[in-house]
């Protein structure tokens, strides 16, 4: 199997053009291991689509399948353009959470940034989640996949490794959830850290940044229709949320290396 390791703000996946193998769970767990494998947050498979330009399927580091990945889909745009599968700079990508539209921004023929129409975010009322040693208030948000946004006074000191897995496996989220710990640091500026369902702590989560920005505007902490800078451990994303909660995400996509593995 030939793969390309790519990353968006340090959220890294192994990209393969072709069909998903029947042994995907074992393959993904083995290759994602950062000590005994290639090391990644999971694997993304790209193939032709009957309803869009391409289709992407996303698998977390534990082999479970995800519906959507914001950082991952930006790299899909870079992958198909730079490998010659398309000459388009505006693409439609089929995902398990619907078709997403990409706009590729080129510098010297290379894709450096990608803007993604993420669709409409669904922000729910705050809920209280029981934990082992107390409880926590969060804002549930769906951006094609489930998120629990927790606003904190200091994101740097947030107990992500302790609270993240408890949130992910809470009975209130039947299929698990991604947990974001967010601090509003200035005008339309947010610092965010994340625990991703199926992968644990990651350097960045594109859908998570969209969820945090959507929750922030719903609470009046940031402004609608203006770019919101979300700073993650791996870098910055620019998120814009309309009054109809339509979300646009802009950020980088980079290739790390190419590799081959016998599965």
C-alpha atoms as a PDB file:
ATOM      1  CA  UNK A   1       0.000   0.000   0.000  1.00  0.00           C
ATOM      2  CA  UNK A   2       1.360   3.400  -0.982  1.00  0.00           C
ATOM      3  CA  UNK A   3       0.465   6.259   1.359  1.00  0.00           C
ATOM      4  CA  UNK A   4       1.152   9.959   1.696  1.00  0.00           C
ATOM      5  CA  UNK A   5       1.466  11.429   5.158  1.00  0.00           C
ATOM      6  CA  UNK A   6      -0.088  14.911   5.280  1.00  0.00           C
ATOM      7  CA  UNK A   7      -0.961  17.338   8.035  1.00  0.00           C
ATOM      8  CA  UNK A   8      -3.098  20.374   8.688  1.00  0.00           C
ATOM      9  CA  UNK A   9      -1.848  22.228  11.767  1.00  0.00           C
ATOM     10  CA  UNK A  10      -0.254  19.004  12.990  1.00  0.00           C
ATOM     11  CA  UNK A  11      -3.491  16.991  12.641  1.00  0.00           C
ATOM     12  CA  UNK A  12      -1.840  14.251  10.570  1.00  0.00           C
ATOM     13  CA  UNK A  13      -3.273  11.377   8.563  1.00  0.00           C
ATOM     14  CA  UNK A  14      -2.033   8.745   6.140  1.00  0.00           C
ATOM     15  CA  UNK A  15      -3.734   9.307   2.769  1.00  0.00           C
ATOM     16  CA  UNK A  16      -4.401   6.491   0.322  1.00  0.00           C
ATOM     17  CA  UNK A  17      -6.038   6.743  -3.109  1.00  0.00           C
ATOM     18  CA  UNK A  18      -8.036   3.561  -3.534  1.00  0.00           C
ATOM     19  CA  UNK A  19     -10.477   1.212  -1.859  1.00  0.00           C
ATOM     20  CA  UNK A  20     -10.653   0.693   1.878  1.00  0.00           C
ATOM     21  CA  UNK A  21      -9.232  -2.760   2.779  1.00  0.00           C
ATOM     22  CA  UNK A  22     -11.402  -5.257   4.645  1.00  0.00           C
ATOM     23  CA  UNK A  23      -8.804  -5.296   7.421  1.00  0.00           C
ATOM     24  CA  UNK A  24      -8.944  -1.500   7.845  1.00  0.00           C
ATOM     25  CA  UNK A  25      -9.272  -1.602  11.648  1.00  0.00           C
ATOM     26  CA  UNK A  26      -6.092  -3.618  12.118  1.00  0.00           C
ATOM     27  CA  UNK A  27      -4.220  -1.717   9.392  1.00  0.00           C
ATOM     28  CA  UNK A  28      -5.193   1.666  10.815  1.00  0.00           C
ATOM     29  CA  UNK A  29      -4.278   0.762  14.387  1.00  0.00           C
ATOM     30  CA  UNK A  30      -0.900  -0.617  13.296  1.00  0.00           C
ATOM     31  CA  UNK A  31       0.094   2.218  10.956  1.00  0.00           C
ATOM     32  CA  UNK A  32      -1.186   5.006  13.215  1.00  0.00           C
ATOM     33  CA  UNK A  33       0.992   3.859  16.121  1.00  0.00           C
ATOM     34  CA  UNK A  34       3.617   6.545  16.703  1.00  0.00           C
ATOM     35  CA  UNK A  35       6.257   4.111  17.948  1.00  0.00           C
ATOM     36  CA  UNK A  36       5.757   0.986  15.846  1.00  0.00           C
ATOM     37  CA  UNK A  37       3.987   2.434  12.790  1.00  0.00           C
ATOM     38  CA  UNK A  38       4.140   5.470  10.545  1.00  0.00           C
ATOM     39  CA  UNK A  39       2.477   7.550  13.248  1.00  0.00           C
ATOM     40  CA  UNK A  40      -0.731   9.485  12.635  1.00  0.00           C
ATOM     41  CA  UNK A  41      -4.137  10.488  13.956  1.00  0.00           C
ATOM     42  CA  UNK A  42      -5.632   7.953  11.543  1.00  0.00           C
ATOM     43  CA  UNK A  43      -6.056   7.177   7.840  1.00  0.00           C
ATOM     44  CA  UNK A  44      -8.033   8.817   5.025  1.00  0.00           C
ATOM     45  CA  UNK A  45      -8.999   6.985   1.840  1.00  0.00           C
ATOM     46  CA  UNK A  46      -9.812   8.896  -1.355  1.00  0.00           C
ATOM     47  CA  UNK A  47     -11.770   7.529  -4.314  1.00  0.00           C
ATOM     48  CA  UNK A  48     -13.955   8.710  -7.217  1.00  0.00           C
ATOM     49  CA  UNK A  49     -17.526   9.656  -6.304  1.00  0.00           C
ATOM     50  CA  UNK A  50     -20.729   9.232  -8.314  1.00  0.00           C
ATOM     51  CA  UNK A  51     -22.224  12.371  -6.734  1.00  0.00           C
ATOM     52  CA  UNK A  52     -19.186  14.655  -6.257  1.00  0.00           C
ATOM     53  CA  UNK A  53     -15.636  15.083  -7.537  1.00  0.00           C
ATOM     54  CA  UNK A  54     -14.156  12.734  -4.943  1.00  0.00           C
ATOM     55  CA  UNK A  55     -15.125  10.766  -1.874  1.00  0.00           C
ATOM     56  CA  UNK A  56     -13.232  10.597   1.402  1.00  0.00           C
ATOM     57  CA  UNK A  57     -13.504   8.070   4.213  1.00  0.00           C
ATOM     58  CA  UNK A  58     -11.862   8.835   7.549  1.00  0.00           C
ATOM     59  CA  UNK A  59     -10.635   6.343  10.127  1.00  0.00           C
ATOM     60  CA  UNK A  60      -9.442   7.341  13.586  1.00  0.00           C
ATOM     61  CA  UNK A  61      -6.282   5.963  15.165  1.00  0.00           C
ATOM     62  CA  UNK A  62      -8.348   3.273  16.905  1.00  0.00           C
ATOM     63  CA  UNK A  63      -9.793   2.103  13.575  1.00  0.00           C
ATOM     64  CA  UNK A  64     -13.261   3.577  14.095  1.00  0.00           C
ATOM     65  CA  UNK A  65     -14.761   5.505  11.192  1.00  0.00           C
ATOM     66  CA  UNK A  66     -15.431   9.239  11.498  1.00  0.00           C
ATOM     67  CA  UNK A  67     -17.979  11.250   9.557  1.00  0.00           C
ATOM     68  CA  UNK A  68     -15.913  14.341   8.893  1.00  0.00           C
ATOM     69  CA  UNK A  69     -12.485  15.913   9.477  1.00  0.00           C
ATOM     70  CA  UNK A  70     -11.881  19.581   8.731  1.00  0.00           C
ATOM     71  CA  UNK A  71      -8.088  19.415   8.665  1.00  0.00           C
ATOM     72  CA  UNK A  72      -8.249  16.148   6.750  1.00  0.00           C
ATOM     73  CA  UNK A  73     -10.496  17.419   3.976  1.00  0.00           C
ATOM     74  CA  UNK A  74      -8.174  20.359   3.282  1.00  0.00           C
ATOM     75  CA  UNK A  75      -5.356  17.879   2.697  1.00  0.00           C
ATOM     76  CA  UNK A  76      -7.621  15.848   0.399  1.00  0.00           C
ATOM     77  CA  UNK A  77      -7.922  18.943  -1.810  1.00  0.00           C
ATOM     78  CA  UNK A  78      -4.148  19.348  -1.912  1.00  0.00           C
ATOM     79  CA  UNK A  79      -3.652  15.631  -2.563  1.00  0.00           C
ATOM     80  CA  UNK A  80      -5.953  15.294  -5.585  1.00  0.00           C
ATOM     81  CA  UNK A  81      -4.750  18.541  -7.180  1.00  0.00           C
ATOM     82  CA  UNK A  82      -1.007  18.072  -6.765  1.00  0.00           C
ATOM     83  CA  UNK A  83      -1.095  14.401  -7.748  1.00  0.00           C
ATOM     84  CA  UNK A  84      -2.912  15.276 -10.969  1.00  0.00           C
ATOM     85  CA  UNK A  85      -6.277  13.653 -10.272  1.00  0.00           C
ATOM     86  CA  UNK A  86      -7.945  16.987 -11.063  1.00  0.00           C
ATOM     87  CA  UNK A  87      -7.177  20.429 -12.450  1.00  0.00           C
ATOM     88  CA  UNK A  88     -10.088  22.033 -10.614  1.00  0.00           C
ATOM     89  CA  UNK A  89      -9.478  24.522  -7.831  1.00  0.00           C
ATOM     90  CA  UNK A  90     -13.109  24.333  -6.704  1.00  0.00           C
ATOM     91  CA  UNK A  91     -14.014  20.825  -5.588  1.00  0.00           C
ATOM     92  CA  UNK A  92     -16.959  18.934  -4.151  1.00  0.00           C
ATOM     93  CA  UNK A  93     -16.005  16.164  -1.732  1.00  0.00           C
ATOM     94  CA  UNK A  94     -18.416  13.461  -0.603  1.00  0.00           C
ATOM     95  CA  UNK A  95     -18.211  12.648   3.126  1.00  0.00           C
ATOM     96  CA  UNK A  96     -20.402  10.750   5.576  1.00  0.00           C
ATOM     97  CA  UNK A  97     -21.724  14.135   6.740  1.00  0.00           C
ATOM     98  CA  UNK A  98     -22.631  15.309   3.242  1.00  0.00           C
ATOM     99  CA  UNK A  99     -20.899  16.997   0.330  1.00  0.00           C
ATOM    100  CA  UNK A 100     -18.401  19.729   1.245  1.00  0.00           C
ATOM    101  CA  UNK A 101     -17.142  22.415  -1.143  1.00  0.00           C
ATOM    102  CA  UNK A 102     -13.423  23.312  -1.262  1.00  0.00           C
ATOM    103  CA  UNK A 103     -11.655  26.326  -2.719  1.00  0.00           C
ATOM    104  CA  UNK A 104      -7.928  25.747  -3.278  1.00  0.00           C
ATOM    105  CA  UNK A 105      -5.511  28.664  -2.981  1.00  0.00           C
ATOM    106  CA  UNK A 106      -2.355  28.176  -5.032  1.00  0.00           C
ATOM    107  CA  UNK A 107       1.139  29.638  -4.780  1.00  0.00           C
ATOM    108  CA  UNK A 108       3.535  28.706  -7.610  1.00  0.00           C
ATOM    109  CA  UNK A 109       1.282  25.821  -8.607  1.00  0.00           C
ATOM    110  CA  UNK A 110       1.137  24.330  -5.111  1.00  0.00           C
ATOM    111  CA  UNK A 111      -1.874  24.268  -2.791  1.00  0.00           C
ATOM    112  CA  UNK A 112      -1.006  26.281   0.313  1.00  0.00           C
ATOM    113  CA  UNK A 113      -4.399  27.077   1.790  1.00  0.00           C
ATOM    114  CA  UNK A 114      -7.870  25.631   1.446  1.00  0.00           C
ATOM    115  CA  UNK A 115     -11.223  27.169   2.321  1.00  0.00           C
ATOM    116  CA  UNK A 116     -13.996  24.725   3.112  1.00  0.00           C
ATOM    117  CA  UNK A 117     -17.736  25.320   3.165  1.00  0.00           C
ATOM    118  CA  UNK A 118     -18.500  23.220   6.224  1.00  0.00           C
ATOM    119  CA  UNK A 119     -22.271  23.530   5.967  1.00  0.00           C
ATOM    120  CA  UNK A 120     -24.554  24.556   8.809  1.00  0.00           C
ATOM    121  CA  UNK A 121     -23.612  24.086  12.445  1.00  0.00           C
ATOM    122  CA  UNK A 122     -26.310  23.014  14.899  1.00  0.00           C
ATOM    123  CA  UNK A 123     -25.817  24.579  18.317  1.00  0.00           C
ATOM    124  CA  UNK A 124     -27.860  23.117  21.166  1.00  0.00           C
ATOM    125  CA  UNK A 125     -28.643  24.430  24.639  1.00  0.00           C
ATOM    126  CA  UNK A 126     -26.038  23.919  27.349  1.00  0.00           C
ATOM    127  CA  UNK A 127     -26.124  20.658  29.261  1.00  0.00           C
ATOM    128  CA  UNK A 128     -24.463  19.462  32.460  1.00  0.00           C
ATOM    129  CA  UNK A 129     -22.338  16.321  32.147  1.00  0.00           C
ATOM    130  CA  UNK A 130     -21.660  14.217  35.283  1.00  0.00           C
ATOM    131  CA  UNK A 131     -17.982  13.298  35.701  1.00  0.00           C
ATOM    132  CA  UNK A 132     -16.035  11.120  38.128  1.00  0.00           C
ATOM    133  CA  UNK A 133     -15.301  14.041  40.462  1.00  0.00           C
ATOM    134  CA  UNK A 134     -18.067  16.516  39.801  1.00  0.00           C
ATOM    135  CA  UNK A 135     -19.761  17.827  36.681  1.00  0.00           C
ATOM    136  CA  UNK A 136     -19.079  20.109  33.734  1.00  0.00           C
ATOM    137  CA  UNK A 137     -21.249  22.395  31.613  1.00  0.00           C
ATOM    138  CA  UNK A 138     -20.839  22.175  27.844  1.00  0.00           C
ATOM    139  CA  UNK A 139     -22.486  23.349  24.649  1.00  0.00           C
ATOM    140  CA  UNK A 140     -23.304  20.482  22.265  1.00  0.00           C
ATOM    141  CA  UNK A 141     -22.618  21.374  18.625  1.00  0.00           C
ATOM    142  CA  UNK A 142     -22.948  19.280  15.481  1.00  0.00           C
ATOM    143  CA  UNK A 143     -20.787  20.106  12.469  1.00  0.00           C
ATOM    144  CA  UNK A 144     -21.569  16.831  10.740  1.00  0.00           C
ATOM    145  CA  UNK A 145     -19.976  15.137  13.738  1.00  0.00           C
ATOM    146  CA  UNK A 146     -20.633  15.651  17.474  1.00  0.00           C
ATOM    147  CA  UNK A 147     -18.793  18.142  19.672  1.00  0.00           C
ATOM    148  CA  UNK A 148     -19.017  19.273  23.278  1.00  0.00           C
ATOM    149  CA  UNK A 149     -17.659  22.801  23.690  1.00  0.00           C
ATOM    150  CA  UNK A 150     -16.481  23.762  27.171  1.00  0.00           C
ATOM    151  CA  UNK A 151     -15.598  27.417  27.783  1.00  0.00           C
ATOM    152  CA  UNK A 152     -12.833  27.798  30.365  1.00  0.00           C
ATOM    153  CA  UNK A 153     -10.898  30.657  31.957  1.00  0.00           C
ATOM    154  CA  UNK A 154      -7.525  29.291  30.873  1.00  0.00           C
ATOM    155  CA  UNK A 155      -7.310  26.815  28.002  1.00  0.00           C
ATOM    156  CA  UNK A 156      -3.601  26.211  28.582  1.00  0.00           C
ATOM    157  CA  UNK A 157      -4.332  24.759  32.013  1.00  0.00           C
ATOM    158  CA  UNK A 158      -7.410  22.784  30.976  1.00  0.00           C
ATOM    159  CA  UNK A 159      -7.330  19.145  32.124  1.00  0.00           C
ATOM    160  CA  UNK A 160      -7.767  17.788  28.611  1.00  0.00           C
ATOM    161  CA  UNK A 161      -6.193  14.385  29.247  1.00  0.00           C
ATOM    162  CA  UNK A 162      -8.297  13.796  32.374  1.00  0.00           C
ATOM    163  CA  UNK A 163     -11.642  15.264  31.304  1.00  0.00           C
ATOM    164  CA  UNK A 164     -11.498  14.485  27.579  1.00  0.00           C
ATOM    165  CA  UNK A 165     -11.963  10.693  27.821  1.00  0.00           C
ATOM    166  CA  UNK A 166     -14.717  11.120  30.409  1.00  0.00           C
ATOM    167  CA  UNK A 167     -16.570  13.429  28.028  1.00  0.00           C
ATOM    168  CA  UNK A 168     -16.008  11.123  25.059  1.00  0.00           C
ATOM    169  CA  UNK A 169     -17.521   8.122  26.833  1.00  0.00           C
ATOM    170  CA  UNK A 170     -20.277   9.907  28.760  1.00  0.00           C
ATOM    171  CA  UNK A 171     -23.675   8.226  28.627  1.00  0.00           C
ATOM    172  CA  UNK A 172     -25.108  11.542  27.425  1.00  0.00           C
ATOM    173  CA  UNK A 173     -23.320  11.059  24.089  1.00  0.00           C
ATOM    174  CA  UNK A 174     -24.358   7.634  22.827  1.00  0.00           C
ATOM    175  CA  UNK A 175     -21.848   7.525  19.957  1.00  0.00           C
ATOM    176  CA  UNK A 176     -19.065   9.357  21.762  1.00  0.00           C
ATOM    177  CA  UNK A 177     -18.120  13.001  21.341  1.00  0.00           C
ATOM    178  CA  UNK A 178     -15.180  15.311  20.603  1.00  0.00           C
ATOM    179  CA  UNK A 179     -14.447  17.618  23.544  1.00  0.00           C
ATOM    180  CA  UNK A 180     -13.120  21.156  23.032  1.00  0.00           C
ATOM    181  CA  UNK A 181     -11.768  23.366  25.825  1.00  0.00           C
ATOM    182  CA  UNK A 182     -11.977  26.973  24.664  1.00  0.00           C
ATOM    183  CA  UNK A 183     -10.960  30.366  26.025  1.00  0.00           C
ATOM    184  CA  UNK A 184     -11.986  33.660  24.405  1.00  0.00           C
ATOM    185  CA  UNK A 185      -8.723  35.624  24.412  1.00  0.00           C
ATOM    186  CA  UNK A 186      -9.721  38.788  22.538  1.00  0.00           C
ATOM    187  CA  UNK A 187     -11.994  40.265  19.907  1.00  0.00           C
ATOM    188  CA  UNK A 188     -12.948  37.342  17.655  1.00  0.00           C
ATOM    189  CA  UNK A 189      -9.995  35.356  19.017  1.00  0.00           C
ATOM    190  CA  UNK A 190     -10.176  31.976  20.727  1.00  0.00           C
ATOM    191  CA  UNK A 191      -7.607  29.592  22.195  1.00  0.00           C
ATOM    192  CA  UNK A 192      -8.720  25.975  21.934  1.00  0.00           C
ATOM    193  CA  UNK A 193      -7.461  22.529  22.917  1.00  0.00           C
ATOM    194  CA  UNK A 194      -9.132  19.303  21.937  1.00  0.00           C
ATOM    195  CA  UNK A 195      -9.743  15.672  22.828  1.00  0.00           C
ATOM    196  CA  UNK A 196     -10.829  13.861  19.657  1.00  0.00           C
ATOM    197  CA  UNK A 197     -13.152  10.896  19.750  1.00  0.00           C
ATOM    198  CA  UNK A 198     -11.179   7.804  18.833  1.00  0.00           C
ATOM    199  CA  UNK A 199      -7.793   9.563  18.719  1.00  0.00           C
ATOM    200  CA  UNK A 200      -7.295  11.377  22.041  1.00  0.00           C
ATOM    201  CA  UNK A 201      -5.402  14.668  22.288  1.00  0.00           C
ATOM    202  CA  UNK A 202      -4.504  16.042  18.860  1.00  0.00           C
ATOM    203  CA  UNK A 203      -2.718  19.212  17.789  1.00  0.00           C
ATOM    204  CA  UNK A 204      -5.736  20.475  15.875  1.00  0.00           C
ATOM    205  CA  UNK A 205      -9.329  19.663  14.950  1.00  0.00           C
ATOM    206  CA  UNK A 206     -10.949  21.572  12.089  1.00  0.00           C
ATOM    207  CA  UNK A 207     -14.533  20.614  12.859  1.00  0.00           C
ATOM    208  CA  UNK A 208     -13.798  21.319  16.518  1.00  0.00           C
ATOM    209  CA  UNK A 209     -12.683  24.857  15.675  1.00  0.00           C
ATOM    210  CA  UNK A 210     -15.904  25.317  13.702  1.00  0.00           C
ATOM    211  CA  UNK A 211     -17.927  24.035  16.646  1.00  0.00           C
ATOM    212  CA  UNK A 212     -16.151  26.347  19.102  1.00  0.00           C
ATOM    213  CA  UNK A 213     -16.645  29.400  16.864  1.00  0.00           C
ATOM    214  CA  UNK A 214     -20.330  28.539  16.404  1.00  0.00           C
ATOM    215  CA  UNK A 215     -20.857  28.149  20.145  1.00  0.00           C
ATOM    216  CA  UNK A 216     -19.030  31.436  20.771  1.00  0.00           C
ATOM    217  CA  UNK A 217     -21.217  33.483  18.415  1.00  0.00           C
ATOM    218  CA  UNK A 218     -24.356  31.869  19.830  1.00  0.00           C
ATOM    219  CA  UNK A 219     -23.348  33.174  23.272  1.00  0.00           C
ATOM    220  CA  UNK A 220     -22.348  36.628  22.031  1.00  0.00           C
ATOM    221  CA  UNK A 221     -18.676  35.998  22.781  1.00  0.00           C
ATOM    222  CA  UNK A 222     -17.657  36.522  19.133  1.00  0.00           C
ATOM    223  CA  UNK A 223     -19.286  38.188  16.129  1.00  0.00           C
ATOM    224  CA  UNK A 224     -21.250  36.707  13.276  1.00  0.00           C
ATOM    225  CA  UNK A 225     -20.031  37.194   9.687  1.00  0.00           C
ATOM    226  CA  UNK A 226     -16.500  38.163  10.753  1.00  0.00           C
ATOM    227  CA  UNK A 227     -13.371  35.973  10.701  1.00  0.00           C
ATOM    228  CA  UNK A 228     -12.671  34.350  14.056  1.00  0.00           C
ATOM    229  CA  UNK A 229      -9.086  33.284  14.675  1.00  0.00           C
ATOM    230  CA  UNK A 230      -8.951  29.980  16.521  1.00  0.00           C
ATOM    231  CA  UNK A 231      -5.515  29.153  17.901  1.00  0.00           C
ATOM    232  CA  UNK A 232      -4.913  25.424  18.355  1.00  0.00           C
ATOM    233  CA  UNK A 233      -1.830  23.584  19.585  1.00  0.00           C
ATOM    234  CA  UNK A 234      -0.727  23.124  15.959  1.00  0.00           C
ATOM    235  CA  UNK A 235      -1.459  26.624  14.648  1.00  0.00           C
ATOM    236  CA  UNK A 236      -4.320  28.898  13.613  1.00  0.00           C
ATOM    237  CA  UNK A 237      -7.523  28.454  11.648  1.00  0.00           C
ATOM    238  CA  UNK A 238      -9.826  31.199  10.396  1.00  0.00           C
ATOM    239  CA  UNK A 239     -13.515  30.473  10.945  1.00  0.00           C
ATOM    240  CA  UNK A 240     -16.470  32.576   9.777  1.00  0.00           C
ATOM    241  CA  UNK A 241     -20.003  31.861  11.004  1.00  0.00           C
ATOM    242  CA  UNK A 242     -22.999  33.489   9.305  1.00  0.00           C
ATOM    243  CA  UNK A 243     -26.195  34.378  11.140  1.00  0.00           C
ATOM    244  CA  UNK A 244     -27.697  31.245   9.614  1.00  0.00           C
ATOM    245  CA  UNK A 245     -24.785  29.319  11.213  1.00  0.00           C
ATOM    246  CA  UNK A 246     -23.221  28.469   7.881  1.00  0.00           C
ATOM    247  CA  UNK A 247     -19.528  27.905   8.595  1.00  0.00           C
ATOM    248  CA  UNK A 248     -16.459  28.521   6.439  1.00  0.00           C
ATOM    249  CA  UNK A 249     -13.031  27.272   7.521  1.00  0.00           C
ATOM    250  CA  UNK A 250      -9.702  28.393   6.037  1.00  0.00           C
ATOM    251  CA  UNK A 251      -6.328  26.887   6.864  1.00  0.00           C
ATOM    252  CA  UNK A 252      -3.124  25.275   5.558  1.00  0.00           C
ATOM    253  CA  UNK A 253      -2.442  21.806   4.157  1.00  0.00           C
ATOM    254  CA  UNK A 254       1.027  20.277   3.966  1.00  0.00           C
ATOM    255  CA  UNK A 255       2.645  17.072   2.719  1.00  0.00           C
ATOM    256  CA  UNK A 256       5.073  15.371   5.121  1.00  0.00           C
ATOM    257  CA  UNK A 257       6.372  12.348   3.197  1.00  0.00           C
ATOM    258  CA  UNK A 258       5.469   9.407   0.946  1.00  0.00           C
ATOM    259  CA  UNK A 259       5.765   5.768   2.005  1.00  0.00           C
ATOM    260  CA  UNK A 260       4.983   2.142   1.160  1.00  0.00           C
ATOM    261  CA  UNK A 261       3.901  -0.607   3.517  1.00  0.00           C
ATOM    262  CA  UNK A 262       3.114  -4.302   3.190  1.00  0.00           C
ATOM    263  CA  UNK A 263      -0.277  -4.892   4.833  1.00  0.00           C
END
